[in-house]
Amino acid sequence: KTLEAGVVIAGGHTVNDKEPKYGLVVIGFVDPRQMLTKGGLRPDDALVLTKPLGFGVVTTALKRERAEGPDVTEVVGWMSRLNKSASELAVEFGLRGGTDITGFSLIGHGLEMAEASGVSLELEYDKIPLVSCARKYAEMGAFAGGAFDNRSYYRSRVTFKKELDEPAEMLLFDPQTSGGLLLGVPQDKLSAFLKRAEEIDQPAWVIGTAKNGKGIELV
């Protein structure tokens, strides 16, 4: 995967532990004229997500020895997929607003973007993609502690106009490992962006819109 990402691993050290793990520090350069930032959203931008949600609840179920093999395979497949093509697509279309969805969940990272950009986000729950097994493990309550921390910290800034049961709501606060990108795509570029994404086999779901205001509205 490092070769696929176009990077070289230089140096490092090892530790002995009961679980395999590795961490990387990325050192590189970015052209400021092509940089995506959390503060780059503008009102009316479409919000596009490039991977589904649910990785955290499934991997937590795996740690508790409650996850089924095909479900783990599905989630590992998504987590193993690089954000390389998604980021290159964003640069190709001159996007300015973007972030990755990781430990603070879709809601947490979405709020970071909203606050940095001075906008609000309107998210359509029925358009938010989930891995096929996410609901099953959500109903089991297989959430990591970080999911409850996320909900406790961020929920007051979310207006729920759509009534959700607890498993559905908790999936919005589910910490993701190797999650996708949340991108702001201007409306006049959206059709061409989605067409190009399909051409290069890059998943892309339109899940909402940036608007004037503050916080997140769930509809």
N, C-alpha and C. Protein backbone atom coordinates (compact mmCIF):
# COMPACT_ATOMS: atom_id res chain seq x y z
N LYS A 1 0.82 -1.21 0.00
CA LYS A 1 0.00 0.00 0.00
C LYS A 1 0.85 1.27 0.00
N THR A 2 2.03 1.20 0.64
CA THR A 2 2.89 2.38 0.62
C THR A 2 3.36 2.68 -0.80
N LEU A 3 3.69 1.64 -1.55
CA LEU A 3 4.09 1.84 -2.94
C LEU A 3 2.94 2.41 -3.75
N GLU A 4 1.72 1.90 -3.50
CA GLU A 4 0.55 2.40 -4.20
C GLU A 4 0.32 3.87 -3.89
N ALA A 5 0.65 4.27 -2.65
CA ALA A 5 0.47 5.66 -2.24
C ALA A 5 1.60 6.55 -2.71
N GLY A 6 2.67 5.94 -3.24
CA GLY A 6 3.78 6.72 -3.74
C GLY A 6 4.69 7.27 -2.67
N VAL A 7 4.84 6.53 -1.57
CA VAL A 7 5.69 7.00 -0.47
C VAL A 7 6.76 5.96 -0.17
N VAL A 8 7.78 6.39 0.55
CA VAL A 8 8.88 5.53 0.96
C VAL A 8 8.93 5.51 2.49
N ILE A 9 9.01 4.32 3.08
CA ILE A 9 9.16 4.21 4.54
C ILE A 9 10.64 4.30 4.87
N ALA A 10 11.00 5.25 5.71
CA ALA A 10 12.40 5.47 6.07
C ALA A 10 12.54 5.45 7.59
N GLY A 11 13.27 4.46 8.09
CA GLY A 11 13.53 4.40 9.53
C GLY A 11 12.37 3.81 10.31
N GLY A 12 12.51 3.86 11.63
CA GLY A 12 11.44 3.34 12.49
C GLY A 12 11.99 2.47 13.59
N HIS A 13 11.09 1.97 14.44
CA HIS A 13 11.49 1.07 15.51
C HIS A 13 10.35 0.09 15.75
N THR A 14 10.59 -0.92 16.57
CA THR A 14 9.60 -1.97 16.80
C THR A 14 9.25 -2.06 18.28
N VAL A 15 8.06 -2.58 18.54
CA VAL A 15 7.62 -2.85 19.91
C VAL A 15 7.02 -4.24 19.96
N ASN A 16 7.07 -4.86 21.13
CA ASN A 16 6.42 -6.15 21.34
C ASN A 16 5.09 -5.91 22.03
N ASP A 17 4.02 -6.46 21.46
CA ASP A 17 2.69 -6.28 22.02
C ASP A 17 1.84 -7.47 21.61
N LYS A 18 0.71 -7.65 22.28
CA LYS A 18 -0.16 -8.77 21.96
C LYS A 18 -0.93 -8.55 20.67
N GLU A 19 -1.04 -7.29 20.22
CA GLU A 19 -1.73 -6.98 18.98
C GLU A 19 -0.76 -6.36 17.99
N PRO A 20 -0.82 -6.75 16.72
CA PRO A 20 0.03 -6.09 15.71
C PRO A 20 -0.44 -4.67 15.49
N LYS A 21 0.50 -3.76 15.35
CA LYS A 21 0.15 -2.37 15.12
C LYS A 21 1.31 -1.66 14.45
N TYR A 22 1.01 -0.61 13.75
CA TYR A 22 2.07 0.26 13.25
C TYR A 22 1.53 1.67 13.12
N GLY A 23 2.40 2.62 13.24
CA GLY A 23 2.03 4.02 13.08
C GLY A 23 3.02 4.71 12.17
N LEU A 24 2.55 5.68 11.42
CA LEU A 24 3.39 6.39 10.46
C LEU A 24 3.28 7.89 10.67
N VAL A 25 4.36 8.57 10.48
CA VAL A 25 4.37 10.04 10.44
C VAL A 25 4.66 10.45 9.01
N VAL A 26 3.78 11.26 8.43
CA VAL A 26 3.91 11.65 7.03
C VAL A 26 4.63 12.99 6.95
N ILE A 27 5.70 13.03 6.18
CA ILE A 27 6.45 14.26 5.96
C ILE A 27 6.45 14.55 4.46
N GLY A 28 5.99 15.71 4.10
CA GLY A 28 5.93 16.03 2.67
C GLY A 28 5.61 17.49 2.45
N PHE A 29 5.28 17.82 1.22
CA PHE A 29 5.00 19.20 0.84
C PHE A 29 3.67 19.25 0.09
N VAL A 30 3.00 20.39 0.18
CA VAL A 30 1.74 20.58 -0.53
C VAL A 30 1.78 21.94 -1.21
N ASP A 31 1.24 21.98 -2.40
CA ASP A 31 1.12 23.25 -3.13
C ASP A 31 -0.06 24.02 -2.53
N PRO A 32 0.17 25.17 -1.91
CA PRO A 32 -0.94 25.90 -1.29
C PRO A 32 -2.04 26.30 -2.26
N ARG A 33 -1.71 26.34 -3.55
CA ARG A 33 -2.73 26.69 -4.55
C ARG A 33 -3.69 25.54 -4.81
N GLN A 34 -3.34 24.33 -4.36
CA GLN A 34 -4.19 23.16 -4.57
C GLN A 34 -4.56 22.49 -3.26
N MET A 35 -4.48 23.21 -2.18
CA MET A 35 -4.66 22.63 -0.86
C MET A 35 -6.13 22.58 -0.45
N LEU A 36 -6.56 21.44 0.06
CA LEU A 36 -7.90 21.32 0.65
C LEU A 36 -7.78 21.56 2.14
N THR A 37 -8.68 22.37 2.69
CA THR A 37 -8.67 22.65 4.12
C THR A 37 -10.07 22.49 4.69
N LYS A 38 -10.13 22.38 6.01
CA LYS A 38 -11.42 22.30 6.68
C LYS A 38 -12.21 23.60 6.52
N GLY A 39 -11.49 24.69 6.27
CA GLY A 39 -12.15 25.97 6.13
C GLY A 39 -12.52 26.34 4.71
N GLY A 40 -12.50 25.37 3.81
CA GLY A 40 -12.73 25.68 2.40
C GLY A 40 -14.14 25.52 1.90
N LEU A 41 -15.10 25.16 2.77
CA LEU A 41 -16.49 25.03 2.33
C LEU A 41 -17.12 26.38 2.07
N ARG A 42 -18.07 26.40 1.13
CA ARG A 42 -18.83 27.60 0.84
C ARG A 42 -20.33 27.23 0.84
N PRO A 43 -21.21 28.17 1.20
CA PRO A 43 -22.64 27.87 1.15
C PRO A 43 -23.04 27.33 -0.23
N ASP A 44 -23.90 26.34 -0.22
CA ASP A 44 -24.43 25.65 -1.41
C ASP A 44 -23.51 24.56 -1.93
N ASP A 45 -22.30 24.40 -1.39
CA ASP A 45 -21.47 23.27 -1.80
C ASP A 45 -22.19 21.97 -1.47
N ALA A 46 -22.13 21.03 -2.40
CA ALA A 46 -22.61 19.68 -2.12
C ALA A 46 -21.59 18.97 -1.23
N LEU A 47 -22.06 18.16 -0.30
CA LEU A 47 -21.19 17.41 0.60
C LEU A 47 -21.10 15.98 0.08
N VAL A 48 -19.91 15.57 -0.28
CA VAL A 48 -19.70 14.27 -0.90
C VAL A 48 -18.81 13.42 0.01
N LEU A 49 -19.26 12.19 0.29
CA LEU A 49 -18.51 11.24 1.11
C LEU A 49 -17.99 10.11 0.23
N THR A 50 -16.74 9.69 0.47
CA THR A 50 -16.11 8.74 -0.46
C THR A 50 -15.97 7.32 0.10
N LYS A 51 -16.35 7.08 1.35
CA LYS A 51 -16.42 5.73 1.90
C LYS A 51 -17.64 5.66 2.81
N PRO A 52 -18.22 4.48 2.98
CA PRO A 52 -19.35 4.35 3.89
C PRO A 52 -18.90 4.42 5.34
N LEU A 53 -19.86 4.49 6.25
CA LEU A 53 -19.60 4.48 7.68
C LEU A 53 -19.84 3.09 8.26
N GLY A 54 -19.36 2.89 9.47
CA GLY A 54 -19.61 1.64 10.19
C GLY A 54 -18.38 0.83 10.51
N PHE A 55 -17.21 1.34 10.14
CA PHE A 55 -15.99 0.57 10.38
C PHE A 55 -15.76 0.35 11.88
N GLY A 56 -16.00 1.38 12.67
CA GLY A 56 -15.70 1.30 14.10
C GLY A 56 -16.53 0.26 14.82
N VAL A 57 -17.83 0.25 14.55
CA VAL A 57 -18.71 -0.68 15.27
C VAL A 57 -18.40 -2.13 14.89
N VAL A 58 -17.98 -2.36 13.65
CA VAL A 58 -17.66 -3.73 13.22
C VAL A 58 -16.32 -4.18 13.80
N THR A 59 -15.32 -3.31 13.77
CA THR A 59 -14.02 -3.72 14.32
C THR A 59 -14.09 -3.88 15.84
N THR A 60 -14.96 -3.11 16.49
CA THR A 60 -15.15 -3.31 17.93
C THR A 60 -15.82 -4.65 18.20
N ALA A 61 -16.79 -5.02 17.36
CA ALA A 61 -17.41 -6.34 17.48
C ALA A 61 -16.38 -7.44 17.27
N LEU A 62 -15.44 -7.21 16.35
CA LEU A 62 -14.37 -8.19 16.10
C LEU A 62 -13.52 -8.36 17.35
N LYS A 63 -13.16 -7.26 18.00
CA LYS A 63 -12.35 -7.35 19.23
C LYS A 63 -13.10 -8.10 20.32
N ARG A 64 -14.42 -8.02 20.30
CA ARG A 64 -15.23 -8.72 21.30
C ARG A 64 -15.59 -10.13 20.85
N GLU A 65 -15.03 -10.54 19.71
CA GLU A 65 -15.24 -11.88 19.14
C GLU A 65 -16.71 -12.14 18.83
N ARG A 66 -17.37 -11.09 18.30
CA ARG A 66 -18.78 -11.20 17.93
C ARG A 66 -19.02 -10.94 16.44
N ALA A 67 -17.96 -10.65 15.71
CA ALA A 67 -18.11 -10.30 14.29
C ALA A 67 -18.00 -11.54 13.41
N GLU A 68 -18.79 -11.57 12.35
CA GLU A 68 -18.76 -12.68 11.40
C GLU A 68 -17.75 -12.41 10.30
N GLY A 69 -17.14 -13.50 9.81
CA GLY A 69 -16.06 -13.39 8.83
C GLY A 69 -16.37 -12.55 7.61
N PRO A 70 -17.51 -12.76 6.92
CA PRO A 70 -17.80 -11.95 5.73
C PRO A 70 -17.93 -10.46 6.04
N ASP A 71 -18.44 -10.14 7.24
CA ASP A 71 -18.57 -8.74 7.63
C ASP A 71 -17.20 -8.11 7.82
N VAL A 72 -16.30 -8.85 8.45
CA VAL A 72 -14.94 -8.35 8.65
C VAL A 72 -14.26 -8.14 7.30
N THR A 73 -14.46 -9.08 6.39
CA THR A 73 -13.85 -8.96 5.05
C THR A 73 -14.35 -7.71 4.35
N GLU A 74 -15.64 -7.44 4.45
CA GLU A 74 -16.20 -6.24 3.82
C GLU A 74 -15.55 -4.97 4.37
N VAL A 75 -15.45 -4.89 5.69
CA VAL A 75 -14.93 -3.68 6.32
C VAL A 75 -13.43 -3.53 6.06
N VAL A 76 -12.69 -4.62 6.14
CA VAL A 76 -11.25 -4.55 5.87
C VAL A 76 -11.00 -4.11 4.43
N GLY A 77 -11.85 -4.57 3.52
CA GLY A 77 -11.72 -4.15 2.13
C GLY A 77 -11.83 -2.65 1.97
N TRP A 78 -12.80 -2.06 2.68
CA TRP A 78 -12.95 -0.61 2.62
C TRP A 78 -11.80 0.12 3.30
N MET A 79 -11.39 -0.38 4.47
CA MET A 79 -10.32 0.30 5.20
C MET A 79 -8.99 0.20 4.46
N SER A 80 -8.82 -0.85 3.69
CA SER A 80 -7.57 -1.05 2.93
C SER A 80 -7.52 -0.17 1.68
N ARG A 81 -8.63 0.39 1.32
CA ARG A 81 -8.68 1.23 0.12
C ARG A 81 -8.12 2.61 0.43
N LEU A 82 -7.13 3.04 -0.31
CA LEU A 82 -6.52 4.34 -0.09
C LEU A 82 -7.47 5.48 -0.49
N ASN A 83 -7.22 6.64 0.09
CA ASN A 83 -7.92 7.85 -0.33
C ASN A 83 -7.21 8.57 -1.47
N LYS A 84 -6.27 7.88 -2.09
CA LYS A 84 -5.44 8.48 -3.14
C LYS A 84 -6.28 8.97 -4.31
N SER A 85 -7.11 8.10 -4.87
CA SER A 85 -7.89 8.51 -6.06
C SER A 85 -8.91 9.57 -5.70
N ALA A 86 -9.48 9.50 -4.48
CA ALA A 86 -10.44 10.52 -4.06
C ALA A 86 -9.77 11.88 -3.93
N SER A 87 -8.57 11.90 -3.36
CA SER A 87 -7.87 13.18 -3.20
C SER A 87 -7.41 13.73 -4.55
N GLU A 88 -6.97 12.83 -5.43
CA GLU A 88 -6.57 13.29 -6.76
C GLU A 88 -7.75 13.85 -7.54
N LEU A 89 -8.92 13.24 -7.35
CA LEU A 89 -10.13 13.74 -7.99
C LEU A 89 -10.48 15.13 -7.46
N ALA A 90 -10.32 15.31 -6.15
CA ALA A 90 -10.59 16.62 -5.56
C ALA A 90 -9.68 17.69 -6.14
N VAL A 91 -8.41 17.35 -6.31
CA VAL A 91 -7.46 18.30 -6.88
C VAL A 91 -7.79 18.57 -8.35
N GLU A 92 -8.16 17.51 -9.07
CA GLU A 92 -8.50 17.66 -10.48
C GLU A 92 -9.62 18.68 -10.69
N PHE A 93 -10.58 18.70 -9.75
CA PHE A 93 -11.72 19.60 -9.90
C PHE A 93 -11.55 20.90 -9.12
N GLY A 94 -10.35 21.12 -8.61
CA GLY A 94 -10.07 22.38 -7.94
C GLY A 94 -10.86 22.62 -6.67
N LEU A 95 -11.19 21.53 -5.95
CA LEU A 95 -11.94 21.70 -4.71
C LEU A 95 -11.07 22.35 -3.64
N ARG A 96 -11.71 23.00 -2.69
CA ARG A 96 -10.97 23.71 -1.64
C ARG A 96 -11.33 23.23 -0.24
N GLY A 97 -12.46 22.59 -0.07
CA GLY A 97 -12.89 22.15 1.25
C GLY A 97 -12.91 20.64 1.36
N GLY A 98 -12.23 20.11 2.39
CA GLY A 98 -12.22 18.67 2.56
C GLY A 98 -11.58 18.26 3.87
N THR A 99 -11.92 17.07 4.33
CA THR A 99 -11.29 16.47 5.50
C THR A 99 -11.48 14.97 5.41
N ASP A 100 -10.74 14.22 6.23
CA ASP A 100 -10.98 12.78 6.30
C ASP A 100 -11.85 12.49 7.52
N ILE A 101 -12.60 11.40 7.44
CA ILE A 101 -13.48 10.99 8.53
C ILE A 101 -12.79 9.89 9.31
N THR A 102 -12.34 10.22 10.51
CA THR A 102 -11.60 9.25 11.32
C THR A 102 -12.21 9.19 12.73
N GLY A 103 -11.39 9.37 13.76
CA GLY A 103 -11.82 9.09 15.12
C GLY A 103 -12.93 9.94 15.68
N PHE A 104 -13.12 11.16 15.17
CA PHE A 104 -14.19 12.02 15.69
C PHE A 104 -15.52 11.80 14.99
N SER A 105 -15.59 10.84 14.09
CA SER A 105 -16.84 10.45 13.42
C SER A 105 -17.26 11.45 12.35
N LEU A 106 -18.27 11.07 11.59
CA LEU A 106 -18.80 11.98 10.57
C LEU A 106 -19.27 13.29 11.20
N ILE A 107 -19.96 13.20 12.32
CA ILE A 107 -20.48 14.40 12.96
C ILE A 107 -19.34 15.28 13.48
N GLY A 108 -18.38 14.69 14.15
CA GLY A 108 -17.30 15.47 14.72
C GLY A 108 -16.46 16.17 13.66
N HIS A 109 -16.06 15.44 12.64
CA HIS A 109 -15.25 16.04 11.59
C HIS A 109 -16.08 16.99 10.73
N GLY A 110 -17.37 16.68 10.57
CA GLY A 110 -18.24 17.60 9.85
C GLY A 110 -18.37 18.93 10.57
N LEU A 111 -18.49 18.88 11.89
CA LEU A 111 -18.57 20.11 12.68
C LEU A 111 -17.27 20.90 12.60
N GLU A 112 -16.14 20.22 12.58
CA GLU A 112 -14.86 20.91 12.41
C GLU A 112 -14.86 21.71 11.11
N MET A 113 -15.35 21.09 10.04
CA MET A 113 -15.41 21.79 8.75
C MET A 113 -16.39 22.96 8.80
N ALA A 114 -17.56 22.71 9.37
CA ALA A 114 -18.59 23.75 9.43
C ALA A 114 -18.07 24.97 10.18
N GLU A 115 -17.45 24.74 11.33
CA GLU A 115 -16.98 25.85 12.15
C GLU A 115 -15.81 26.57 11.50
N ALA A 116 -14.90 25.82 10.89
CA ALA A 116 -13.75 26.45 10.23
C ALA A 116 -14.18 27.27 9.01
N SER A 117 -15.26 26.84 8.36
CA SER A 117 -15.72 27.50 7.14
C SER A 117 -16.77 28.57 7.40
N GLY A 118 -17.30 28.63 8.61
CA GLY A 118 -18.36 29.60 8.91
C GLY A 118 -19.67 29.26 8.25
N VAL A 119 -19.98 27.95 8.13
CA VAL A 119 -21.23 27.52 7.51
C VAL A 119 -21.89 26.47 8.41
N SER A 120 -23.08 26.06 8.03
CA SER A 120 -23.73 24.91 8.66
C SER A 120 -23.80 23.78 7.63
N LEU A 121 -24.02 22.57 8.12
CA LEU A 121 -24.16 21.42 7.23
C LEU A 121 -25.56 20.84 7.38
N GLU A 122 -26.21 20.60 6.26
CA GLU A 122 -27.48 19.88 6.25
C GLU A 122 -27.19 18.48 5.70
N LEU A 123 -27.34 17.47 6.55
CA LEU A 123 -27.07 16.09 6.16
C LEU A 123 -28.38 15.33 6.02
N GLU A 124 -28.51 14.56 4.95
CA GLU A 124 -29.69 13.74 4.71
C GLU A 124 -29.38 12.30 5.13
N TYR A 125 -29.99 11.87 6.23
CA TYR A 125 -29.61 10.58 6.81
C TYR A 125 -29.77 9.43 5.82
N ASP A 126 -30.84 9.44 5.07
CA ASP A 126 -31.10 8.32 4.16
C ASP A 126 -30.09 8.23 3.03
N LYS A 127 -29.30 9.29 2.82
CA LYS A 127 -28.29 9.27 1.77
C LYS A 127 -26.89 8.93 2.29
N ILE A 128 -26.75 8.81 3.61
CA ILE A 128 -25.45 8.50 4.20
C ILE A 128 -25.19 7.00 4.06
N PRO A 129 -24.11 6.62 3.38
CA PRO A 129 -23.86 5.19 3.15
C PRO A 129 -23.30 4.50 4.40
N LEU A 130 -23.74 3.26 4.60
CA LEU A 130 -23.25 2.41 5.69
C LEU A 130 -22.79 1.08 5.10
N VAL A 131 -21.77 0.47 5.71
CA VAL A 131 -21.44 -0.90 5.30
C VAL A 131 -22.64 -1.77 5.61
N SER A 132 -22.78 -2.86 4.86
CA SER A 132 -24.02 -3.64 4.90
C SER A 132 -24.33 -4.21 6.28
N CYS A 133 -23.30 -4.43 7.09
CA CYS A 133 -23.49 -5.06 8.39
C CYS A 133 -23.53 -4.06 9.55
N ALA A 134 -23.42 -2.78 9.26
CA ALA A 134 -23.29 -1.78 10.33
C ALA A 134 -24.49 -1.80 11.27
N ARG A 135 -25.69 -1.84 10.71
CA ARG A 135 -26.89 -1.80 11.54
C ARG A 135 -26.95 -3.00 12.49
N LYS A 136 -26.55 -4.16 11.99
CA LYS A 136 -26.59 -5.38 12.82
C LYS A 136 -25.75 -5.22 14.08
N TYR A 137 -24.53 -4.72 13.92
CA TYR A 137 -23.65 -4.57 15.08
C TYR A 137 -24.04 -3.37 15.93
N ALA A 138 -24.64 -2.36 15.30
CA ALA A 138 -25.14 -1.23 16.07
C ALA A 138 -26.25 -1.68 17.01
N GLU A 139 -27.12 -2.56 16.54
CA GLU A 139 -28.20 -3.08 17.38
C GLU A 139 -27.66 -3.96 18.50
N MET A 140 -26.48 -4.55 18.30
CA MET A 140 -25.83 -5.31 19.37
C MET A 140 -25.20 -4.40 20.41
N GLY A 141 -25.07 -3.11 20.07
CA GLY A 141 -24.41 -2.17 20.97
C GLY A 141 -22.90 -2.29 20.96
N ALA A 142 -22.33 -2.73 19.84
CA ALA A 142 -20.89 -2.98 19.76
C ALA A 142 -20.10 -1.72 19.41
N PHE A 143 -20.37 -0.65 20.15
CA PHE A 143 -19.67 0.60 19.89
C PHE A 143 -18.49 0.77 20.84
N ALA A 144 -17.41 1.32 20.32
CA ALA A 144 -16.27 1.66 21.16
C ALA A 144 -16.63 2.83 22.07
N GLY A 145 -15.86 2.98 23.15
CA GLY A 145 -16.10 4.08 24.07
C GLY A 145 -16.02 5.43 23.39
N GLY A 146 -15.18 5.53 22.35
CA GLY A 146 -15.04 6.80 21.64
C GLY A 146 -16.32 7.26 20.97
N ALA A 147 -17.18 6.32 20.59
CA ALA A 147 -18.45 6.69 19.97
C ALA A 147 -19.34 7.43 20.97
N PHE A 148 -19.36 6.96 22.21
CA PHE A 148 -20.17 7.62 23.25
C PHE A 148 -19.54 8.96 23.63
N ASP A 149 -18.20 9.02 23.63
CA ASP A 149 -17.54 10.30 23.88
C ASP A 149 -17.88 11.31 22.79
N ASN A 150 -17.87 10.85 21.53
CA ASN A 150 -18.22 11.74 20.42
C ASN A 150 -19.64 12.27 20.57
N ARG A 151 -20.56 11.38 20.89
CA ARG A 151 -21.96 11.82 21.02
C ARG A 151 -22.10 12.81 22.18
N SER A 152 -21.45 12.53 23.30
CA SER A 152 -21.54 13.42 24.44
C SER A 152 -21.00 14.81 24.12
N TYR A 153 -19.93 14.86 23.35
CA TYR A 153 -19.26 16.14 23.07
C TYR A 153 -19.93 16.93 21.96
N TYR A 154 -20.41 16.24 20.92
CA TYR A 154 -20.87 16.93 19.71
C TYR A 154 -22.39 17.05 19.57
N ARG A 155 -23.16 16.24 20.27
CA ARG A 155 -24.59 16.14 19.97
C ARG A 155 -25.33 17.46 20.16
N SER A 156 -24.88 18.29 21.10
CA SER A 156 -25.60 19.55 21.37
C SER A 156 -25.56 20.50 20.18
N ARG A 157 -24.64 20.26 19.24
CA ARG A 157 -24.53 21.13 18.07
C ARG A 157 -25.22 20.53 16.84
N VAL A 158 -25.98 19.45 17.06
CA VAL A 158 -26.71 18.79 15.97
C VAL A 158 -28.21 18.93 16.21
N THR A 159 -28.94 19.38 15.20
CA THR A 159 -30.39 19.44 15.26
C THR A 159 -30.95 18.26 14.47
N PHE A 160 -31.69 17.40 15.16
CA PHE A 160 -32.25 16.21 14.51
C PHE A 160 -33.68 16.51 14.08
N LYS A 161 -33.86 16.76 12.79
CA LYS A 161 -35.20 16.94 12.24
C LYS A 161 -35.79 15.61 11.78
N LYS A 162 -34.95 14.60 11.73
CA LYS A 162 -35.41 13.25 11.42
C LYS A 162 -35.27 12.42 12.68
N GLU A 163 -36.34 11.75 13.07
CA GLU A 163 -36.31 10.94 14.28
C GLU A 163 -35.54 9.66 14.01
N LEU A 164 -34.52 9.41 14.83
CA LEU A 164 -33.69 8.22 14.68
C LEU A 164 -33.70 7.42 15.97
N ASP A 165 -33.65 6.09 15.85
CA ASP A 165 -33.48 5.29 17.06
C ASP A 165 -32.01 5.33 17.47
N GLU A 166 -31.69 4.80 18.63
CA GLU A 166 -30.33 4.93 19.16
C GLU A 166 -29.28 4.29 18.26
N PRO A 167 -29.48 3.07 17.73
CA PRO A 167 -28.44 2.50 16.86
C PRO A 167 -28.16 3.38 15.64
N ALA A 168 -29.21 3.91 15.02
CA ALA A 168 -29.02 4.76 13.84
C ALA A 168 -28.27 6.03 14.21
N GLU A 169 -28.63 6.63 15.32
CA GLU A 169 -27.96 7.86 15.74
C GLU A 169 -26.50 7.59 16.09
N MET A 170 -26.25 6.50 16.80
CA MET A 170 -24.88 6.20 17.23
C MET A 170 -23.95 5.98 16.05
N LEU A 171 -24.45 5.48 14.94
CA LEU A 171 -23.59 5.27 13.77
C LEU A 171 -23.04 6.58 13.23
N LEU A 172 -23.72 7.68 13.48
CA LEU A 172 -23.22 8.99 13.06
C LEU A 172 -22.03 9.44 13.89
N PHE A 173 -21.90 8.86 15.10
CA PHE A 173 -20.81 9.22 16.01
C PHE A 173 -19.74 8.13 16.08
N ASP A 174 -19.86 7.14 15.22
CA ASP A 174 -18.95 5.98 15.22
C ASP A 174 -17.55 6.39 14.77
N PRO A 175 -16.52 6.19 15.58
CA PRO A 175 -15.15 6.51 15.14
C PRO A 175 -14.75 5.60 13.98
N GLN A 176 -14.15 6.17 12.96
CA GLN A 176 -13.74 5.40 11.80
C GLN A 176 -12.22 5.25 11.77
N THR A 177 -11.77 4.08 11.38
CA THR A 177 -10.36 3.85 11.08
C THR A 177 -10.22 3.81 9.57
N SER A 178 -9.35 4.64 9.02
CA SER A 178 -9.16 4.71 7.57
C SER A 178 -10.48 5.01 6.87
N GLY A 179 -11.18 6.02 7.37
CA GLY A 179 -12.43 6.43 6.75
C GLY A 179 -12.20 7.19 5.46
N GLY A 180 -13.28 7.58 4.84
CA GLY A 180 -13.19 8.28 3.56
C GLY A 180 -13.01 9.77 3.74
N LEU A 181 -13.15 10.49 2.62
CA LEU A 181 -13.06 11.94 2.63
C LEU A 181 -14.46 12.55 2.59
N LEU A 182 -14.62 13.67 3.26
CA LEU A 182 -15.81 14.50 3.14
C LEU A 182 -15.39 15.74 2.37
N LEU A 183 -15.97 15.92 1.19
CA LEU A 183 -15.54 16.98 0.27
C LEU A 183 -16.68 17.96 0.00
N GLY A 184 -16.34 19.21 -0.16
CA GLY A 184 -17.30 20.21 -0.60
C GLY A 184 -17.14 20.44 -2.09
N VAL A 185 -18.20 20.14 -2.84
CA VAL A 185 -18.15 20.26 -4.30
C VAL A 185 -19.13 21.34 -4.75
N PRO A 186 -18.64 22.42 -5.39
CA PRO A 186 -19.57 23.44 -5.90
C PRO A 186 -20.62 22.83 -6.82
N GLN A 187 -21.82 23.34 -6.76
CA GLN A 187 -22.93 22.76 -7.52
C GLN A 187 -22.65 22.74 -9.02
N ASP A 188 -21.94 23.75 -9.54
CA ASP A 188 -21.69 23.79 -10.98
C ASP A 188 -20.66 22.76 -11.42
N LYS A 189 -19.99 22.11 -10.46
CA LYS A 189 -19.01 21.07 -10.79
C LYS A 189 -19.50 19.67 -10.42
N LEU A 190 -20.64 19.59 -9.74
CA LEU A 190 -21.06 18.33 -9.14
C LEU A 190 -21.31 17.24 -10.17
N SER A 191 -22.06 17.54 -11.22
CA SER A 191 -22.40 16.53 -12.21
C SER A 191 -21.14 15.95 -12.85
N ALA A 192 -20.22 16.82 -13.26
CA ALA A 192 -18.98 16.36 -13.88
C ALA A 192 -18.11 15.60 -12.89
N PHE A 193 -18.13 16.05 -11.63
CA PHE A 193 -17.35 15.38 -10.58
C PHE A 193 -17.84 13.94 -10.39
N LEU A 194 -19.15 13.76 -10.28
CA LEU A 194 -19.70 12.42 -10.07
C LEU A 194 -19.48 11.52 -11.29
N LYS A 195 -19.56 12.10 -12.48
CA LYS A 195 -19.31 11.32 -13.70
C LYS A 195 -17.87 10.86 -13.74
N ARG A 196 -16.95 11.75 -13.41
CA ARG A 196 -15.54 11.39 -13.40
C ARG A 196 -15.23 10.35 -12.32
N ALA A 197 -15.87 10.48 -11.17
CA ALA A 197 -15.70 9.50 -10.09
C ALA A 197 -16.12 8.11 -10.56
N GLU A 198 -17.22 8.04 -11.27
CA GLU A 198 -17.69 6.75 -11.79
C GLU A 198 -16.70 6.18 -12.79
N GLU A 199 -16.13 7.04 -13.62
CA GLU A 199 -15.17 6.59 -14.64
C GLU A 199 -13.94 5.96 -14.01
N ILE A 200 -13.50 6.47 -12.88
CA ILE A 200 -12.27 5.95 -12.26
C ILE A 200 -12.59 4.99 -11.11
N ASP A 201 -13.84 4.55 -11.02
CA ASP A 201 -14.26 3.59 -9.98
C ASP A 201 -14.01 4.13 -8.58
N GLN A 202 -14.30 5.40 -8.39
CA GLN A 202 -14.18 6.03 -7.08
C GLN A 202 -15.57 6.24 -6.50
N PRO A 203 -15.93 5.52 -5.42
CA PRO A 203 -17.25 5.73 -4.82
C PRO A 203 -17.42 7.17 -4.36
N ALA A 204 -18.62 7.69 -4.51
CA ALA A 204 -18.92 9.06 -4.09
C ALA A 204 -20.42 9.16 -3.83
N TRP A 205 -20.77 9.55 -2.62
CA TRP A 205 -22.18 9.71 -2.24
C TRP A 205 -22.43 11.17 -1.87
N VAL A 206 -23.44 11.77 -2.44
CA VAL A 206 -23.85 13.12 -2.06
C VAL A 206 -24.76 13.00 -0.85
N ILE A 207 -24.32 13.52 0.30
CA ILE A 207 -25.05 13.29 1.55
C ILE A 207 -25.64 14.57 2.14
N GLY A 208 -25.44 15.70 1.48
CA GLY A 208 -26.00 16.92 2.03
C GLY A 208 -25.47 18.16 1.35
N THR A 209 -25.65 19.28 2.03
CA THR A 209 -25.30 20.59 1.46
C THR A 209 -24.79 21.51 2.56
N ALA A 210 -23.83 22.34 2.22
CA ALA A 210 -23.38 23.40 3.12
C ALA A 210 -24.33 24.59 2.99
N LYS A 211 -24.67 25.20 4.12
CA LYS A 211 -25.61 26.31 4.12
C LYS A 211 -25.11 27.42 5.03
N ASN A 212 -25.75 28.57 4.96
CA ASN A 212 -25.47 29.63 5.92
C ASN A 212 -25.98 29.20 7.29
N GLY A 213 -25.22 29.53 8.33
CA GLY A 213 -25.64 29.17 9.67
C GLY A 213 -24.55 28.50 10.47
N LYS A 214 -24.95 27.79 11.53
CA LYS A 214 -24.01 27.10 12.38
C LYS A 214 -24.48 25.68 12.68
N GLY A 215 -23.54 24.81 12.98
CA GLY A 215 -23.87 23.46 13.41
C GLY A 215 -24.25 22.53 12.29
N ILE A 216 -24.89 21.43 12.66
CA ILE A 216 -25.33 20.42 11.70
C ILE A 216 -26.83 20.18 11.89
N GLU A 217 -27.53 20.11 10.79
CA GLU A 217 -28.95 19.77 10.80
C GLU A 217 -29.11 18.42 10.11
N LEU A 218 -29.74 17.47 10.80
CA LEU A 218 -29.93 16.13 10.27
C LEU A 218 -31.37 16.00 9.80
N VAL A 219 -31.57 15.78 8.51
CA VAL A 219 -32.95 15.73 7.97
C VAL A 219 -33.21 14.38 7.32
